[in-house]
Amino acid sequence: MTIHTSTYKGKRVYVLLKDGTRIVDKFKDKKSGYVVLEEHGKIQKSKIKTMTIYRNTPSTSPVIPAKLEKDVPKK
């Protein structure tokens, strides 16, 4: 099954990876087999479970914005 991985450049997107990592970042480009984000760089499409436009709605689970994720200690 193919994931929809394109949107307008500069649009903030929500990406859920297959390993459970959640990313909110700005979409830069789509290459063959990759999605390019502003802060996270290239991510393989095969590692993406879901990608959608980020609408900043309240949710039950926390999402770590791109600029803050590197400040969070790893478990």
C-alpha atoms as a PDB file:
ATOM      1  CA  MET A   1       0.000   0.000   0.000  1.00  0.00           C
ATOM      2  CA  THR A   2       1.342   3.401  -0.960  1.00  0.00           C
ATOM      3  CA  ILE A   3       1.248   6.359   1.443  1.00  0.00           C
ATOM      4  CA  HIS A   4       0.206   9.825   0.275  1.00  0.00           C
ATOM      5  CA  THR A   5       3.400  11.818   0.842  1.00  0.00           C
ATOM      6  CA  SER A   6       3.026  15.089  -1.031  1.00  0.00           C
ATOM      7  CA  THR A   7       1.727  18.508  -0.023  1.00  0.00           C
ATOM      8  CA  TYR A   8       2.644  22.158  -0.569  1.00  0.00           C
ATOM      9  CA  LYS A   9       6.232  23.128   0.240  1.00  0.00           C
ATOM     10  CA  GLY A  10       6.534  24.842   3.608  1.00  0.00           C
ATOM     11  CA  LYS A  11       3.339  23.222   4.925  1.00  0.00           C
ATOM     12  CA  ARG A  12       3.598  21.838   8.471  1.00  0.00           C
ATOM     13  CA  VAL A  13       3.039  18.073   8.463  1.00  0.00           C
ATOM     14  CA  TYR A  14       2.507  15.371  11.075  1.00  0.00           C
ATOM     15  CA  VAL A  15       4.496  12.193  10.414  1.00  0.00           C
ATOM     16  CA  LEU A  16       4.060   8.960  12.360  1.00  0.00           C
ATOM     17  CA  LEU A  17       6.855   6.466  11.779  1.00  0.00           C
ATOM     18  CA  LYS A  18       6.413   2.703  12.005  1.00  0.00           C
ATOM     19  CA  ASP A  19       8.580   2.629  15.145  1.00  0.00           C
ATOM     20  CA  GLY A  20       6.119   4.992  16.907  1.00  0.00           C
ATOM     21  CA  THR A  21       8.123   8.210  16.558  1.00  0.00           C
ATOM     22  CA  ARG A  22       5.937  11.274  15.987  1.00  0.00           C
ATOM     23  CA  ILE A  23       7.281  14.253  14.053  1.00  0.00           C
ATOM     24  CA  VAL A  24       5.829  17.696  13.339  1.00  0.00           C
ATOM     25  CA  ASP A  25       7.973  19.512  10.784  1.00  0.00           C
ATOM     26  CA  LYS A  26       7.756  21.568   7.601  1.00  0.00           C
ATOM     27  CA  PHE A  27       7.532  19.681   4.305  1.00  0.00           C
ATOM     28  CA  LYS A  28      10.333  20.555   1.878  1.00  0.00           C
ATOM     29  CA  ASP A  29      10.267  18.061  -0.991  1.00  0.00           C
ATOM     30  CA  LYS A  30       9.450  14.540  -2.119  1.00  0.00           C
ATOM     31  CA  LYS A  31      12.116  12.442  -3.799  1.00  0.00           C
ATOM     32  CA  SER A  32      12.040   8.891  -5.107  1.00  0.00           C
ATOM     33  CA  GLY A  33      11.673   6.778  -1.980  1.00  0.00           C
ATOM     34  CA  TYR A  34      12.142   9.726   0.427  1.00  0.00           C
ATOM     35  CA  VAL A  35      10.277  12.621   2.027  1.00  0.00           C
ATOM     36  CA  VAL A  36      12.422  15.661   2.835  1.00  0.00           C
ATOM     37  CA  LEU A  37      11.552  17.722   5.932  1.00  0.00           C
ATOM     38  CA  GLU A  38      13.092  21.024   7.023  1.00  0.00           C
ATOM     39  CA  GLU A  39      14.558  19.969  10.401  1.00  0.00           C
ATOM     40  CA  HIS A  40      14.679  16.154  10.100  1.00  0.00           C
ATOM     41  CA  GLY A  41      15.999  15.941   6.550  1.00  0.00           C
ATOM     42  CA  LYS A  42      15.403  12.796   4.452  1.00  0.00           C
ATOM     43  CA  ILE A  43      13.090  10.085   5.770  1.00  0.00           C
ATOM     44  CA  GLN A  44      12.535   6.853   3.855  1.00  0.00           C
ATOM     45  CA  LYS A  45       8.928   6.400   2.733  1.00  0.00           C
ATOM     46  CA  SER A  46       9.093   2.754   3.813  1.00  0.00           C
ATOM     47  CA  LYS A  47       9.567   3.901   7.446  1.00  0.00           C
ATOM     48  CA  ILE A  48       6.483   6.185   7.392  1.00  0.00           C
ATOM     49  CA  LYS A  49       3.194   4.828   8.706  1.00  0.00           C
ATOM     50  CA  THR A  50       1.128   8.050   8.388  1.00  0.00           C
ATOM     51  CA  MET A  51       1.716  11.537   6.993  1.00  0.00           C
ATOM     52  CA  THR A  52      -0.900  14.275   7.119  1.00  0.00           C
ATOM     53  CA  ILE A  53      -1.199  18.055   7.306  1.00  0.00           C
ATOM     54  CA  TYR A  54      -0.679  19.187  10.902  1.00  0.00           C
ATOM     55  CA  ARG A  55      -3.753  21.032  12.175  1.00  0.00           C
ATOM     56  CA  ASN A  56      -2.631  21.699  15.796  1.00  0.00           C
ATOM     57  CA  THR A  57      -5.631  19.975  17.337  1.00  0.00           C
ATOM     58  CA  PRO A  58      -5.548  18.738  20.922  1.00  0.00           C
ATOM     59  CA  SER A  59      -4.830  15.036  21.260  1.00  0.00           C
ATOM     60  CA  THR A  60      -4.452  12.478  24.012  1.00  0.00           C
ATOM     61  CA  SER A  61      -0.814  11.709  23.202  1.00  0.00           C
ATOM     62  CA  PRO A  62       1.959  14.307  23.072  1.00  0.00           C
ATOM     63  CA  VAL A  63       3.627  15.237  19.785  1.00  0.00           C
ATOM     64  CA  ILE A  64       7.172  16.577  19.919  1.00  0.00           C
ATOM     65  CA  PRO A  65       7.802  19.489  17.518  1.00  0.00           C
ATOM     66  CA  ALA A  66      10.934  19.219  15.374  1.00  0.00           C
ATOM     67  CA  LYS A  67      12.897  21.916  17.213  1.00  0.00           C
ATOM     68  CA  LEU A  68      12.228  20.435  20.658  1.00  0.00           C
ATOM     69  CA  GLU A  69      12.709  16.736  19.921  1.00  0.00           C
ATOM     70  CA  LYS A  70      16.511  16.872  20.151  1.00  0.00           C
ATOM     71  CA  ASP A  71      16.215  18.358  23.683  1.00  0.00           C
ATOM     72  CA  VAL A  72      14.178  15.411  24.998  1.00  0.00           C
ATOM     73  CA  PRO A  73      16.262  12.744  26.758  1.00  0.00           C
ATOM     74  CA  LYS A  74      16.169   9.305  25.116  1.00  0.00           C
ATOM     75  CA  LYS A  75      14.943   6.341  27.165  1.00  0.00           C
END
